[in-house]
């Protein structure tokens, strides 16, 4: 995908293991994990930015929505990690960003609640009028998640 940054649904230790993080590690190369090793661990709900390594995207924003060992994603962690991802994008004056459905994979967060919270957080951020972002994409794993996000997006028009 041709965007300035992709968001990684990360654990707070910034270990690129499975799911979205594993795909980023495999496609982006070892430099992304090496950068993460220098930064992490970070608080749950925080987001940090690294280079995109070998990815098309210039940057990867790592949104820590859960602990590597411990509690899974909560609503608060999802909202905060989404909000902080948007702030990291603004700090770099990025125009485009792509989010996965944070927390819905390994962490098992409900897709419907994820869609509701992420869309509300993104809209609030964009409506502030202070963001450099022009386009926000949600890149979803399957048709069911896509349909759920479409349903929530249709409700905000």
N, C-alpha and C. Protein backbone atom coordinates (compact mmCIF):
# COMPACT_ATOMS: atom_id res chain seq x y z
N UNK A 1 0.85 -1.17 0.00
CA UNK A 1 0.00 0.00 0.00
C UNK A 1 0.89 1.24 0.00
N UNK A 2 0.53 2.20 -0.79
CA UNK A 2 1.34 3.41 -0.94
C UNK A 2 0.86 4.48 0.04
N UNK A 3 1.39 4.43 1.26
CA UNK A 3 1.07 5.40 2.30
C UNK A 3 2.37 5.85 2.97
N UNK A 4 2.30 6.97 3.67
CA UNK A 4 3.48 7.46 4.39
C UNK A 4 3.83 6.54 5.56
N UNK A 5 2.81 6.04 6.25
CA UNK A 5 3.05 5.17 7.42
C UNK A 5 1.99 4.09 7.52
N UNK A 6 2.44 2.94 7.99
CA UNK A 6 1.50 1.89 8.37
C UNK A 6 1.59 1.73 9.88
N UNK A 7 0.48 1.35 10.48
CA UNK A 7 0.44 1.16 11.92
C UNK A 7 0.56 -0.32 12.23
N UNK A 8 1.44 -0.62 13.16
CA UNK A 8 1.63 -1.97 13.66
C UNK A 8 0.88 -2.11 14.97
N UNK A 9 0.00 -3.09 15.07
CA UNK A 9 -0.66 -3.40 16.34
C UNK A 9 0.36 -4.10 17.21
N UNK A 10 1.03 -3.33 18.06
CA UNK A 10 2.22 -3.81 18.77
C UNK A 10 1.93 -4.20 20.22
N UNK A 11 2.85 -4.98 20.77
CA UNK A 11 2.89 -5.19 22.21
C UNK A 11 3.83 -4.13 22.78
N UNK A 12 3.77 -3.91 24.08
CA UNK A 12 4.56 -2.81 24.65
C UNK A 12 6.06 -3.07 24.69
N UNK A 13 6.48 -4.31 24.47
CA UNK A 13 7.91 -4.61 24.37
C UNK A 13 8.44 -4.39 22.96
N UNK A 14 7.54 -4.09 22.03
CA UNK A 14 7.88 -3.85 20.62
C UNK A 14 8.57 -5.05 19.97
N UNK A 15 8.14 -6.24 20.36
CA UNK A 15 8.64 -7.47 19.74
C UNK A 15 7.74 -7.79 18.56
N UNK A 16 8.32 -7.83 17.37
CA UNK A 16 7.55 -8.10 16.15
C UNK A 16 7.41 -9.61 15.98
N UNK A 17 6.38 -10.18 16.60
CA UNK A 17 6.19 -11.62 16.60
C UNK A 17 5.29 -12.09 15.49
N UNK A 18 4.00 -12.26 15.78
CA UNK A 18 3.05 -12.79 14.81
C UNK A 18 2.09 -11.73 14.32
N UNK A 19 1.08 -12.16 13.59
CA UNK A 19 0.05 -11.25 13.08
C UNK A 19 0.61 -10.15 12.21
N UNK A 20 0.06 -8.95 12.37
CA UNK A 20 0.51 -7.78 11.59
C UNK A 20 1.99 -7.52 11.84
N UNK A 21 2.41 -7.61 13.10
CA UNK A 21 3.81 -7.34 13.45
C UNK A 21 4.75 -8.31 12.74
N UNK A 22 4.37 -9.58 12.69
CA UNK A 22 5.19 -10.58 12.02
C UNK A 22 5.29 -10.32 10.53
N UNK A 23 4.19 -9.92 9.92
CA UNK A 23 4.20 -9.59 8.49
C UNK A 23 5.11 -8.38 8.23
N UNK A 24 5.06 -7.40 9.11
CA UNK A 24 5.93 -6.22 8.96
C UNK A 24 7.39 -6.63 9.08
N UNK A 25 7.71 -7.50 10.05
CA UNK A 25 9.09 -7.96 10.23
C UNK A 25 9.57 -8.72 9.00
N UNK A 26 8.74 -9.60 8.47
CA UNK A 26 9.15 -10.40 7.31
C UNK A 26 9.35 -9.53 6.07
N UNK A 27 8.42 -8.62 5.80
CA UNK A 27 8.49 -7.79 4.59
C UNK A 27 9.45 -6.61 4.75
N UNK A 28 9.52 -6.06 5.95
CA UNK A 28 10.32 -4.86 6.18
C UNK A 28 11.78 -5.11 6.47
N UNK A 29 12.11 -6.34 6.83
CA UNK A 29 13.49 -6.67 7.14
C UNK A 29 13.85 -6.42 8.60
N UNK A 30 15.07 -6.84 8.98
CA UNK A 30 15.48 -6.79 10.39
C UNK A 30 15.69 -5.40 10.96
N UNK A 31 15.86 -4.40 10.12
CA UNK A 31 16.16 -3.06 10.64
C UNK A 31 15.02 -2.50 11.49
N UNK A 32 13.78 -2.87 11.19
CA UNK A 32 12.65 -2.36 11.96
C UNK A 32 12.70 -2.91 13.38
N UNK A 33 12.93 -4.22 13.52
CA UNK A 33 13.04 -4.81 14.86
C UNK A 33 14.25 -4.22 15.60
N UNK A 34 15.34 -3.99 14.89
CA UNK A 34 16.53 -3.40 15.52
C UNK A 34 16.21 -2.01 16.08
N UNK A 35 15.45 -1.21 15.33
CA UNK A 35 15.05 0.11 15.84
C UNK A 35 14.14 -0.04 17.05
N UNK A 36 13.21 -0.99 16.98
CA UNK A 36 12.30 -1.23 18.11
C UNK A 36 13.07 -1.63 19.37
N UNK A 37 14.11 -2.44 19.20
CA UNK A 37 14.90 -2.89 20.34
C UNK A 37 15.57 -1.72 21.05
N UNK A 38 15.91 -0.68 20.31
CA UNK A 38 16.54 0.50 20.90
C UNK A 38 15.54 1.39 21.63
N UNK A 39 14.26 1.27 21.28
CA UNK A 39 13.21 2.13 21.83
C UNK A 39 12.49 1.49 23.01
N UNK A 40 12.08 0.23 22.84
CA UNK A 40 11.17 -0.42 23.78
C UNK A 40 11.83 -0.89 25.04
N UNK A 41 11.04 -1.26 26.04
CA UNK A 41 9.58 -1.25 26.05
C UNK A 41 9.00 0.15 26.25
N UNK A 42 7.71 0.27 25.91
CA UNK A 42 6.99 1.54 26.05
C UNK A 42 5.70 1.28 26.83
N UNK A 43 5.09 2.33 27.38
CA UNK A 43 3.83 2.13 28.11
C UNK A 43 2.70 1.66 27.17
N UNK A 44 1.81 0.85 27.71
CA UNK A 44 0.62 0.45 26.95
C UNK A 44 -0.20 1.71 26.67
N UNK A 45 -0.65 1.84 25.42
CA UNK A 45 -1.38 3.03 24.98
C UNK A 45 -0.51 4.03 24.24
N UNK A 46 0.79 3.85 24.32
CA UNK A 46 1.72 4.76 23.65
C UNK A 46 1.95 4.27 22.22
N UNK A 47 2.55 5.12 21.40
CA UNK A 47 2.92 4.77 20.02
C UNK A 47 4.26 5.42 19.71
N UNK A 48 5.10 4.68 18.99
CA UNK A 48 6.41 5.18 18.57
C UNK A 48 6.57 4.93 17.08
N UNK A 49 7.51 5.65 16.49
CA UNK A 49 7.69 5.56 15.04
C UNK A 49 9.09 5.07 14.71
N UNK A 50 9.18 4.19 13.71
CA UNK A 50 10.47 3.74 13.18
C UNK A 50 10.44 3.92 11.66
N UNK A 51 11.56 3.65 11.06
CA UNK A 51 11.60 3.66 9.59
C UNK A 51 10.75 2.50 9.08
N UNK A 52 10.49 2.51 7.80
CA UNK A 52 9.73 1.44 7.18
C UNK A 52 10.59 0.30 6.66
N UNK A 53 11.90 0.39 6.88
CA UNK A 53 12.78 -0.67 6.39
C UNK A 53 12.60 -0.87 4.90
N UNK A 54 12.34 -2.10 4.48
CA UNK A 54 12.15 -2.43 3.07
C UNK A 54 10.70 -2.29 2.59
N UNK A 55 9.83 -1.77 3.44
CA UNK A 55 8.42 -1.60 3.07
C UNK A 55 8.26 -0.40 2.13
N UNK A 56 7.14 -0.34 1.42
CA UNK A 56 6.84 0.84 0.60
C UNK A 56 6.62 2.07 1.47
N UNK A 57 6.00 1.88 2.62
CA UNK A 57 5.76 2.98 3.56
C UNK A 57 7.08 3.47 4.13
N UNK A 58 7.21 4.78 4.27
CA UNK A 58 8.45 5.35 4.84
C UNK A 58 8.60 5.04 6.32
N UNK A 59 7.46 4.92 7.01
CA UNK A 59 7.49 4.74 8.46
C UNK A 59 6.55 3.62 8.90
N UNK A 60 6.87 3.06 10.06
CA UNK A 60 5.97 2.17 10.78
C UNK A 60 5.71 2.83 12.13
N UNK A 61 4.44 2.98 12.46
CA UNK A 61 4.06 3.49 13.78
C UNK A 61 3.59 2.30 14.60
N UNK A 62 4.27 2.07 15.70
CA UNK A 62 4.00 0.92 16.55
C UNK A 62 3.06 1.35 17.68
N UNK A 63 1.81 0.89 17.62
CA UNK A 63 0.78 1.25 18.58
C UNK A 63 0.68 0.15 19.63
N UNK A 64 1.17 0.43 20.84
CA UNK A 64 1.20 -0.58 21.90
C UNK A 64 -0.15 -0.68 22.58
N UNK A 65 -0.95 -1.61 22.12
CA UNK A 65 -2.30 -1.77 22.68
C UNK A 65 -2.38 -2.89 23.70
N UNK A 66 -1.29 -3.63 23.90
CA UNK A 66 -1.30 -4.74 24.85
C UNK A 66 0.11 -5.04 25.33
N UNK A 67 0.20 -5.79 26.43
CA UNK A 67 1.50 -6.24 26.94
C UNK A 67 1.89 -7.53 26.24
N UNK A 68 3.19 -7.76 26.13
CA UNK A 68 3.66 -9.02 25.55
C UNK A 68 3.22 -10.18 26.44
N UNK A 69 3.39 -10.01 27.74
CA UNK A 69 2.95 -11.01 28.71
C UNK A 69 2.04 -10.30 29.71
N UNK A 70 0.78 -10.60 29.67
CA UNK A 70 -0.11 -9.93 30.61
C UNK A 70 -1.45 -9.62 29.99
N UNK A 71 -2.07 -8.52 30.45
CA UNK A 71 -3.43 -8.22 30.00
C UNK A 71 -3.50 -7.95 28.50
N UNK A 72 -4.63 -8.33 27.93
CA UNK A 72 -4.87 -8.09 26.51
C UNK A 72 -5.42 -6.69 26.32
N UNK A 73 -5.73 -6.34 25.09
CA UNK A 73 -6.19 -4.99 24.75
C UNK A 73 -7.46 -4.61 25.51
N UNK A 74 -7.48 -3.38 26.00
CA UNK A 74 -8.67 -2.80 26.63
C UNK A 74 -9.16 -1.66 25.74
N UNK A 75 -10.37 -1.20 25.99
CA UNK A 75 -10.90 -0.06 25.24
C UNK A 75 -10.00 1.16 25.40
N UNK A 76 -9.57 1.42 26.63
CA UNK A 76 -8.71 2.57 26.89
C UNK A 76 -7.39 2.46 26.12
N UNK A 77 -6.76 1.29 26.14
CA UNK A 77 -5.50 1.10 25.43
C UNK A 77 -5.68 1.27 23.93
N UNK A 78 -6.80 0.79 23.41
CA UNK A 78 -7.08 0.92 21.98
C UNK A 78 -7.23 2.38 21.58
N UNK A 79 -8.01 3.13 22.33
CA UNK A 79 -8.22 4.55 22.03
C UNK A 79 -6.90 5.32 22.15
N UNK A 80 -6.17 5.09 23.23
CA UNK A 80 -4.92 5.83 23.44
C UNK A 80 -3.86 5.48 22.39
N UNK A 81 -3.73 4.21 22.04
CA UNK A 81 -2.72 3.83 21.04
C UNK A 81 -3.10 4.36 19.65
N UNK A 82 -4.39 4.42 19.36
CA UNK A 82 -4.84 5.01 18.09
C UNK A 82 -4.56 6.51 18.07
N UNK A 83 -4.94 7.19 19.15
CA UNK A 83 -4.71 8.64 19.25
C UNK A 83 -3.22 8.97 19.17
N UNK A 84 -2.40 8.21 19.88
CA UNK A 84 -0.96 8.47 19.86
C UNK A 84 -0.33 8.15 18.51
N UNK A 85 -0.88 7.19 17.79
CA UNK A 85 -0.41 6.91 16.42
C UNK A 85 -0.66 8.11 15.51
N UNK A 86 -1.84 8.70 15.64
CA UNK A 86 -2.18 9.89 14.85
C UNK A 86 -1.26 11.06 15.20
N UNK A 87 -0.95 11.21 16.47
CA UNK A 87 -0.04 12.28 16.90
C UNK A 87 1.37 12.07 16.36
N UNK A 88 1.85 10.82 16.35
CA UNK A 88 3.18 10.54 15.78
C UNK A 88 3.20 10.88 14.29
N UNK A 89 2.11 10.58 13.59
CA UNK A 89 2.02 10.92 12.16
C UNK A 89 2.07 12.43 11.97
N UNK A 90 1.36 13.16 12.81
CA UNK A 90 1.37 14.62 12.72
C UNK A 90 2.74 15.20 13.01
N UNK A 91 3.45 14.61 13.96
CA UNK A 91 4.80 15.10 14.29
C UNK A 91 5.73 15.03 13.09
N UNK A 92 5.52 14.05 12.22
CA UNK A 92 6.32 13.90 11.00
C UNK A 92 5.67 14.58 9.80
N UNK A 93 4.54 15.26 10.02
CA UNK A 93 3.79 15.95 8.96
C UNK A 93 3.36 15.00 7.85
N UNK A 94 2.96 13.79 8.23
CA UNK A 94 2.56 12.79 7.25
C UNK A 94 1.17 13.10 6.71
N UNK A 95 0.93 12.67 5.48
CA UNK A 95 -0.36 12.91 4.81
C UNK A 95 -1.26 11.68 4.80
N UNK A 96 -0.65 10.48 4.81
CA UNK A 96 -1.44 9.25 4.70
C UNK A 96 -0.97 8.22 5.72
N UNK A 97 -1.93 7.49 6.26
CA UNK A 97 -1.64 6.46 7.27
C UNK A 97 -2.60 5.30 7.08
N UNK A 98 -2.14 4.09 7.35
CA UNK A 98 -2.99 2.89 7.25
C UNK A 98 -2.98 2.16 8.58
N UNK A 99 -4.18 1.92 9.11
CA UNK A 99 -4.36 1.21 10.38
C UNK A 99 -4.90 -0.19 10.15
N UNK A 100 -4.44 -1.17 10.94
CA UNK A 100 -5.16 -2.44 11.02
C UNK A 100 -6.26 -2.29 12.07
N UNK A 101 -7.03 -3.33 12.28
CA UNK A 101 -8.02 -3.34 13.37
C UNK A 101 -7.24 -3.71 14.64
N UNK A 102 -6.72 -2.71 15.30
CA UNK A 102 -5.81 -2.90 16.44
C UNK A 102 -6.47 -3.75 17.53
N UNK A 103 -5.73 -4.77 17.96
CA UNK A 103 -6.16 -5.58 19.09
C UNK A 103 -7.10 -6.72 18.77
N UNK A 104 -7.52 -6.85 17.51
CA UNK A 104 -8.52 -7.87 17.19
C UNK A 104 -7.92 -9.22 16.83
N UNK A 105 -6.61 -9.29 16.70
CA UNK A 105 -5.96 -10.56 16.36
C UNK A 105 -5.65 -11.36 17.61
N UNK A 106 -4.37 -11.42 17.95
CA UNK A 106 -3.90 -12.17 19.11
C UNK A 106 -4.60 -11.73 20.39
N UNK A 107 -4.86 -10.43 20.53
CA UNK A 107 -5.46 -9.90 21.75
C UNK A 107 -6.96 -10.19 21.87
N UNK A 108 -7.60 -10.57 20.77
CA UNK A 108 -9.00 -10.99 20.81
C UNK A 108 -10.03 -9.91 21.10
N UNK A 109 -9.69 -8.65 20.84
CA UNK A 109 -10.64 -7.56 21.08
C UNK A 109 -11.77 -7.66 20.05
N UNK A 110 -13.02 -7.42 20.44
CA UNK A 110 -14.15 -7.54 19.50
C UNK A 110 -14.05 -6.55 18.34
N UNK A 111 -14.23 -7.03 17.12
CA UNK A 111 -14.08 -6.20 15.93
C UNK A 111 -15.06 -5.04 15.92
N UNK A 112 -16.29 -5.27 16.31
CA UNK A 112 -17.29 -4.20 16.31
C UNK A 112 -16.91 -3.06 17.25
N UNK A 113 -16.48 -3.40 18.44
CA UNK A 113 -16.06 -2.38 19.42
C UNK A 113 -14.80 -1.67 18.92
N UNK A 114 -13.90 -2.42 18.30
CA UNK A 114 -12.68 -1.83 17.73
C UNK A 114 -13.05 -0.80 16.67
N UNK A 115 -13.93 -1.18 15.76
CA UNK A 115 -14.35 -0.26 14.69
C UNK A 115 -14.96 1.01 15.28
N UNK A 116 -15.86 0.83 16.23
CA UNK A 116 -16.52 1.98 16.87
C UNK A 116 -15.49 2.93 17.50
N UNK A 117 -14.57 2.38 18.28
CA UNK A 117 -13.60 3.21 19.01
C UNK A 117 -12.56 3.84 18.09
N UNK A 118 -12.04 3.06 17.15
CA UNK A 118 -11.01 3.60 16.25
C UNK A 118 -11.58 4.69 15.35
N UNK A 119 -12.75 4.45 14.78
CA UNK A 119 -13.35 5.44 13.88
C UNK A 119 -13.67 6.72 14.64
N UNK A 120 -14.21 6.60 15.84
CA UNK A 120 -14.51 7.79 16.65
C UNK A 120 -13.24 8.56 16.99
N UNK A 121 -12.17 7.85 17.32
CA UNK A 121 -10.90 8.49 17.67
C UNK A 121 -10.30 9.20 16.47
N UNK A 122 -10.32 8.56 15.31
CA UNK A 122 -9.78 9.17 14.09
C UNK A 122 -10.60 10.41 13.72
N UNK A 123 -11.91 10.30 13.74
CA UNK A 123 -12.76 11.45 13.38
C UNK A 123 -12.54 12.63 14.32
N UNK A 124 -12.46 12.36 15.61
CA UNK A 124 -12.21 13.43 16.58
C UNK A 124 -10.88 14.12 16.28
N UNK A 125 -9.87 13.33 15.97
CA UNK A 125 -8.54 13.88 15.67
C UNK A 125 -8.58 14.74 14.40
N UNK A 126 -9.20 14.23 13.36
CA UNK A 126 -9.24 14.96 12.09
C UNK A 126 -10.08 16.23 12.20
N UNK A 127 -11.17 16.16 12.97
CA UNK A 127 -12.05 17.32 13.12
C UNK A 127 -11.41 18.45 13.94
N UNK A 128 -10.32 18.15 14.63
CA UNK A 128 -9.64 19.19 15.41
C UNK A 128 -9.06 20.27 14.50
N UNK A 129 -8.86 19.91 13.22
CA UNK A 129 -8.32 20.86 12.25
C UNK A 129 -6.83 21.09 12.37
N UNK A 130 -6.17 20.34 13.24
CA UNK A 130 -4.73 20.54 13.49
C UNK A 130 -3.88 19.42 12.90
N UNK A 131 -4.48 18.48 12.22
CA UNK A 131 -3.76 17.32 11.72
C UNK A 131 -3.20 17.55 10.32
N UNK A 132 -2.02 16.99 10.08
CA UNK A 132 -1.43 17.02 8.73
C UNK A 132 -2.03 15.94 7.85
N UNK A 133 -2.71 14.97 8.45
CA UNK A 133 -3.24 13.83 7.71
C UNK A 133 -4.37 14.22 6.76
N UNK A 134 -4.28 13.70 5.54
CA UNK A 134 -5.31 13.92 4.53
C UNK A 134 -6.13 12.66 4.28
N UNK A 135 -5.50 11.49 4.45
CA UNK A 135 -6.20 10.22 4.23
C UNK A 135 -5.81 9.23 5.32
N UNK A 136 -6.84 8.58 5.87
CA UNK A 136 -6.64 7.52 6.86
C UNK A 136 -7.32 6.27 6.31
N UNK A 137 -6.56 5.21 6.20
CA UNK A 137 -7.07 3.94 5.67
C UNK A 137 -7.17 2.92 6.80
N UNK A 138 -8.17 2.05 6.70
CA UNK A 138 -8.27 0.89 7.56
C UNK A 138 -8.04 -0.32 6.67
N UNK A 139 -6.97 -1.05 6.92
CA UNK A 139 -6.61 -2.23 6.13
C UNK A 139 -6.95 -3.45 6.97
N UNK A 140 -7.93 -4.21 6.50
CA UNK A 140 -8.52 -5.25 7.34
C UNK A 140 -8.25 -6.64 6.79
N UNK A 141 -8.23 -7.59 7.70
CA UNK A 141 -7.78 -8.95 7.41
C UNK A 141 -8.79 -9.77 6.63
N UNK A 142 -10.07 -9.59 6.92
CA UNK A 142 -11.07 -10.44 6.25
C UNK A 142 -12.34 -9.65 5.94
N UNK A 143 -13.23 -10.29 5.19
CA UNK A 143 -14.47 -9.64 4.76
C UNK A 143 -15.35 -9.25 5.94
N UNK A 144 -15.41 -10.08 6.95
CA UNK A 144 -16.26 -9.78 8.11
C UNK A 144 -15.80 -8.49 8.79
N UNK A 145 -14.50 -8.34 8.99
CA UNK A 145 -13.97 -7.11 9.60
C UNK A 145 -14.22 -5.92 8.69
N UNK A 146 -14.03 -6.12 7.40
CA UNK A 146 -14.27 -5.04 6.42
C UNK A 146 -15.73 -4.60 6.47
N UNK A 147 -16.63 -5.56 6.50
CA UNK A 147 -18.06 -5.23 6.56
C UNK A 147 -18.41 -4.49 7.85
N UNK A 148 -17.80 -4.89 8.95
CA UNK A 148 -18.05 -4.24 10.23
C UNK A 148 -17.58 -2.79 10.21
N UNK A 149 -16.38 -2.55 9.71
CA UNK A 149 -15.86 -1.18 9.63
C UNK A 149 -16.71 -0.34 8.67
N UNK A 150 -17.12 -0.93 7.54
CA UNK A 150 -17.98 -0.21 6.59
C UNK A 150 -19.29 0.21 7.26
N UNK A 151 -19.85 -0.68 8.05
CA UNK A 151 -21.10 -0.39 8.75
C UNK A 151 -20.92 0.82 9.68
N UNK A 152 -19.85 0.85 10.45
CA UNK A 152 -19.61 1.97 11.36
C UNK A 152 -19.30 3.25 10.59
N UNK A 153 -18.55 3.14 9.50
CA UNK A 153 -18.24 4.32 8.69
C UNK A 153 -19.50 4.89 8.05
N UNK A 154 -20.40 4.03 7.61
CA UNK A 154 -21.65 4.49 6.99
C UNK A 154 -22.49 5.28 7.99
N UNK A 155 -22.37 4.94 9.25
CA UNK A 155 -23.14 5.62 10.28
C UNK A 155 -22.65 7.02 10.63
N UNK A 156 -21.48 7.39 10.15
CA UNK A 156 -20.93 8.72 10.48
C UNK A 156 -21.06 9.70 9.32
N UNK A 157 -21.64 9.27 8.24
CA UNK A 157 -21.77 10.18 7.08
C UNK A 157 -22.94 11.10 7.24
